[in-house]
């Protein structure tokens, strides 16, 4: 009997068939277009549908009223390379559609969940946690914490990803000419994140270009004296 079980497993692995293929909880679909990091267009039994990936949010790239946000293009490119023209499996939760009529789903390719992959790479944040669509919220939270600890992707910019969204635009709007005192030759940016922490960024910092300064400093010693600490990444 054990030999037959081993043979069946080997046949499944070598046949290229998805383990979800015969599972009634999953819907087979073909990706016809990737809109951005968290939204795709698919075809199901000849019908076109827009799918919103459940429980995650990636930075904007195609929003009609918002600029392209940091790590939005990276998230979009990752999903395009992974899913364009691919056959996928959609796992639905309890609520099937959002208020815009989009299908809400966990998307799988080769038995890997795309929602999780985006969180792992720091290209998405856990978001829109509303009952009853909370099946994987604990797993997603654990994955996000790991990305935060590694300081990768959106988490490499300390004042950027928040529980309310991506705060970069809000910080830019709130700063005034009086709070940004740029001095010729002084390039170190001092920024106060959403937690109220004072952080300074040198030109070598990975998040330097997208950081909006409240103050500018001529040396790290000057920034430290003003109560700022160095960015972790």
Protein backbone atom coordinates (compact mmCIF):
# COMPACT_ATOMS: atom_id res chain seq x y z
CA UNK A 1 0.00 0.00 0.00
CA UNK A 2 2.80 2.43 0.92
CA UNK A 3 4.45 1.87 -2.47
CA UNK A 4 1.23 2.86 -4.26
CA UNK A 5 1.01 6.07 -2.20
CA UNK A 6 4.59 6.98 -3.14
CA UNK A 7 3.83 6.32 -6.82
CA UNK A 8 0.73 8.57 -6.72
CA UNK A 9 2.69 11.41 -5.11
CA UNK A 10 5.46 11.13 -7.70
CA UNK A 11 2.92 11.20 -10.54
CA UNK A 12 1.33 14.35 -9.10
CA UNK A 13 4.67 16.11 -8.76
CA UNK A 14 5.88 15.16 -12.23
CA UNK A 15 2.64 15.85 -14.05
CA UNK A 16 2.85 19.61 -13.50
CA UNK A 17 -0.73 19.66 -12.18
CA UNK A 18 -1.64 22.06 -9.41
CA UNK A 19 -2.61 20.50 -6.10
CA UNK A 20 -5.58 22.89 -6.18
CA UNK A 21 -6.81 21.81 -9.61
CA UNK A 22 -9.51 19.46 -8.34
CA UNK A 23 -10.34 21.38 -5.17
CA UNK A 24 -13.82 22.92 -5.32
CA UNK A 25 -12.71 25.85 -3.17
CA UNK A 26 -10.55 27.13 -6.01
CA UNK A 27 -11.44 28.71 -9.35
CA UNK A 28 -9.17 28.31 -12.37
CA UNK A 29 -8.45 31.56 -14.25
CA UNK A 30 -6.16 32.97 -16.91
CA UNK A 31 -4.46 36.31 -16.25
CA UNK A 32 -4.99 38.62 -19.20
CA UNK A 33 -3.62 41.83 -17.66
CA UNK A 34 -1.86 43.00 -14.51
CA UNK A 35 -3.27 46.38 -13.50
CA UNK A 36 -0.86 46.99 -10.62
CA UNK A 37 0.63 45.15 -7.66
CA UNK A 38 -2.66 44.17 -6.05
CA UNK A 39 -5.15 44.11 -8.96
CA UNK A 40 -5.34 41.84 -12.01
CA UNK A 41 -7.72 41.17 -14.87
CA UNK A 42 -8.54 37.52 -15.53
CA UNK A 43 -10.69 35.34 -17.72
CA UNK A 44 -12.88 32.69 -16.09
CA UNK A 45 -14.84 30.37 -18.38
CA UNK A 46 -14.74 33.00 -21.12
CA UNK A 47 -15.86 35.84 -18.83
CA UNK A 48 -13.57 38.74 -17.93
CA UNK A 49 -13.26 39.67 -14.25
CA UNK A 50 -11.19 42.11 -12.20
CA UNK A 51 -9.58 40.52 -9.15
CA UNK A 52 -8.41 42.41 -6.06
CA UNK A 53 -5.88 40.50 -3.99
CA UNK A 54 -7.28 40.03 -0.49
CA UNK A 55 -5.82 41.52 2.71
CA UNK A 56 -2.93 43.37 1.08
CA UNK A 57 -2.23 46.82 -0.32
CA UNK A 58 0.64 47.79 -2.63
CA UNK A 59 1.78 51.37 -3.35
CA UNK A 60 -0.04 53.19 -6.14
CA UNK A 61 1.11 53.30 -9.75
CA UNK A 62 -2.10 53.94 -11.71
CA UNK A 63 -4.32 55.88 -9.30
CA UNK A 64 -6.11 58.74 -11.12
CA UNK A 65 -5.45 61.32 -8.38
CA UNK A 66 -2.25 60.06 -6.71
CA UNK A 67 1.36 60.12 -7.94
CA UNK A 68 3.38 56.94 -8.39
CA UNK A 69 4.43 55.91 -4.88
CA UNK A 70 7.77 54.40 -3.81
CA UNK A 71 7.94 50.63 -4.45
CA UNK A 72 4.72 50.74 -6.47
CA UNK A 73 6.55 50.09 -9.76
CA UNK A 74 8.54 47.28 -8.13
CA UNK A 75 5.36 45.60 -6.89
CA UNK A 76 3.69 45.97 -10.26
CA UNK A 77 6.71 44.66 -12.17
CA UNK A 78 7.00 41.65 -9.85
CA UNK A 79 3.37 40.66 -10.43
CA UNK A 80 3.60 41.28 -14.18
CA UNK A 81 6.64 39.03 -14.54
CA UNK A 82 4.98 36.39 -12.40
CA UNK A 83 1.42 36.39 -13.74
CA UNK A 84 1.08 37.95 -17.20
CA UNK A 85 -0.59 35.30 -19.38
CA UNK A 86 -0.37 32.70 -16.61
CA UNK A 87 -2.94 30.20 -15.45
CA UNK A 88 -3.75 30.77 -11.80
CA UNK A 89 -6.04 29.49 -9.07
CA UNK A 90 -8.30 31.88 -7.15
CA UNK A 91 -9.26 31.05 -3.58
CA UNK A 92 -12.27 33.00 -2.39
CA UNK A 93 -13.01 33.97 1.21
CA UNK A 94 -16.52 34.54 2.61
CA UNK A 95 -17.26 37.88 0.92
CA UNK A 96 -16.91 37.37 -2.80
CA UNK A 97 -16.86 40.95 -4.15
CA UNK A 98 -16.01 44.46 -3.01
CA UNK A 99 -18.12 47.59 -3.51
CA UNK A 100 -16.61 48.08 -6.99
CA UNK A 101 -17.75 44.63 -8.12
CA UNK A 102 -14.23 43.18 -8.14
CA UNK A 103 -13.65 39.58 -7.12
CA UNK A 104 -11.76 39.29 -3.85
CA UNK A 105 -9.29 36.42 -3.84
CA UNK A 106 -6.07 34.82 -2.72
CA UNK A 107 -4.18 34.19 -5.96
CA UNK A 108 -2.00 31.11 -6.49
CA UNK A 109 0.52 30.22 -9.15
CA UNK A 110 2.41 26.91 -8.96
CA UNK A 111 0.83 26.41 -5.52
CA UNK A 112 2.42 29.60 -4.17
CA UNK A 113 0.18 32.40 -2.95
CA UNK A 114 0.97 35.73 -4.61
CA UNK A 115 -0.52 37.72 -1.69
CA UNK A 116 2.06 36.13 0.63
CA UNK A 117 4.91 36.57 -1.83
CA UNK A 118 4.30 40.33 -2.02
CA UNK A 119 4.31 40.59 1.78
CA UNK A 120 7.50 38.50 2.01
CA UNK A 121 9.32 40.82 -0.39
CA UNK A 122 8.19 43.97 1.42
CA UNK A 123 6.17 45.08 -1.61
CA UNK A 124 2.81 45.14 0.17
CA UNK A 125 1.35 45.87 3.59
CA UNK A 126 -1.38 44.02 5.46
CA UNK A 127 -4.57 46.01 4.87
CA UNK A 128 -8.35 45.99 4.61
CA UNK A 129 -8.79 43.49 7.44
CA UNK A 130 -12.57 43.34 7.61
CA UNK A 131 -14.80 40.47 8.64
CA UNK A 132 -15.60 38.03 7.21
CA UNK A 133 -12.56 38.01 4.86
CA UNK A 134 -9.89 37.28 7.46
CA UNK A 135 -8.93 33.67 6.78
CA UNK A 136 -5.17 34.26 6.51
CA UNK A 137 -4.80 37.45 8.56
CA UNK A 138 -2.66 35.83 11.27
CA UNK A 139 -0.33 34.23 8.72
CA UNK A 140 -0.04 37.50 6.81
CA UNK A 141 0.71 39.41 10.01
CA UNK A 142 3.59 37.05 10.82
CA UNK A 143 5.02 37.39 7.29
CA UNK A 144 4.78 41.19 7.45
CA UNK A 145 6.61 41.33 10.78
CA UNK A 146 9.48 39.36 9.25
CA UNK A 147 9.71 41.83 6.35
CA UNK A 148 9.62 44.74 8.80
CA UNK A 149 12.43 43.23 10.85
CA UNK A 150 14.50 42.78 7.70
CA UNK A 151 13.76 46.37 6.66
CA UNK A 152 13.09 45.42 3.05
CA UNK A 153 10.96 47.12 0.39
CA UNK A 154 8.38 49.51 1.81
CA UNK A 155 9.80 48.88 5.28
CA UNK A 156 13.18 50.34 4.27
CA UNK A 157 11.54 53.79 4.50
CA UNK A 158 10.70 54.17 8.15
CA UNK A 159 8.04 56.84 7.83
CA UNK A 160 6.34 55.36 4.79
CA UNK A 161 4.07 52.32 5.36
CA UNK A 162 1.55 52.79 8.16
CA UNK A 163 -1.68 51.20 9.36
CA UNK A 164 -3.53 53.98 7.52
CA UNK A 165 -1.69 53.60 4.23
CA UNK A 166 1.44 55.03 2.63
CA UNK A 167 2.22 58.30 4.38
CA UNK A 168 4.79 59.83 2.03
CA UNK A 169 2.33 62.20 0.34
CA UNK A 170 0.85 63.30 3.65
CA UNK A 171 4.28 64.15 5.03
CA UNK A 172 5.07 66.12 1.89
CA UNK A 173 1.87 68.15 2.18
CA UNK A 174 2.29 68.88 5.88
CA UNK A 175 5.83 70.22 5.70
CA UNK A 176 6.32 73.97 5.19
CA UNK A 177 9.11 76.17 3.94
CA UNK A 178 9.81 77.20 7.53
CA UNK A 179 10.38 73.62 8.65
CA UNK A 180 12.79 72.80 5.83
CA UNK A 181 15.91 74.84 6.44
CA UNK A 182 18.22 73.74 3.68
CA UNK A 183 21.70 75.19 3.87
CA UNK A 184 24.14 75.08 0.96
CA UNK A 185 26.38 72.05 1.39
CA UNK A 186 24.17 70.50 4.10
CA UNK A 187 22.73 67.29 2.68
CA UNK A 188 21.64 65.21 5.68
CA UNK A 189 17.85 64.97 5.87
CA UNK A 190 16.07 64.95 9.21
CA UNK A 191 12.59 63.45 9.14
CA UNK A 192 9.97 62.76 11.82
CA UNK A 193 8.04 59.57 11.10
CA UNK A 194 4.42 58.78 11.90
CA UNK A 195 5.43 57.46 15.34
CA UNK A 196 7.09 60.76 16.21
CA UNK A 197 10.63 59.34 15.94
CA UNK A 198 13.35 61.70 14.70
CA UNK A 199 15.46 59.99 12.03
CA UNK A 200 18.24 61.32 9.84
CA UNK A 201 19.19 60.06 6.38
CA UNK A 202 22.56 60.48 4.68
CA UNK A 203 23.00 60.35 0.91
CA UNK A 204 24.11 56.71 1.30
CA UNK A 205 20.76 55.74 2.84
CA UNK A 206 18.59 53.57 0.57
CA UNK A 207 15.57 55.75 1.37
CA UNK A 208 17.35 59.11 0.94
CA UNK A 209 15.77 60.15 -2.37
CA UNK A 210 12.17 59.59 -1.25
CA UNK A 211 12.61 61.08 2.22
CA UNK A 212 10.91 64.47 2.74
CA UNK A 213 12.96 66.46 5.28
CA UNK A 214 11.67 68.55 8.17
CA UNK A 215 15.24 69.75 8.79
CA UNK A 216 18.58 69.66 7.00
CA UNK A 217 21.92 69.08 8.76
CA UNK A 218 25.53 69.60 7.76
CA UNK A 219 26.88 66.67 9.78
CA UNK A 220 25.69 63.55 11.56
CA UNK A 221 26.89 65.03 14.84
CA UNK A 222 24.62 68.02 14.28
CA UNK A 223 21.65 65.73 13.59
CA UNK A 224 22.34 63.65 16.71
CA UNK A 225 22.65 66.81 18.79
CA UNK A 226 19.18 67.82 17.57
CA UNK A 227 17.73 64.54 18.84
CA UNK A 228 17.77 62.53 15.61
CA UNK A 229 19.06 58.99 15.18
CA UNK A 230 20.43 57.30 12.07
CA UNK A 231 18.04 55.41 9.81
CA UNK A 232 18.37 51.67 10.32
CA UNK A 233 18.75 50.96 6.61
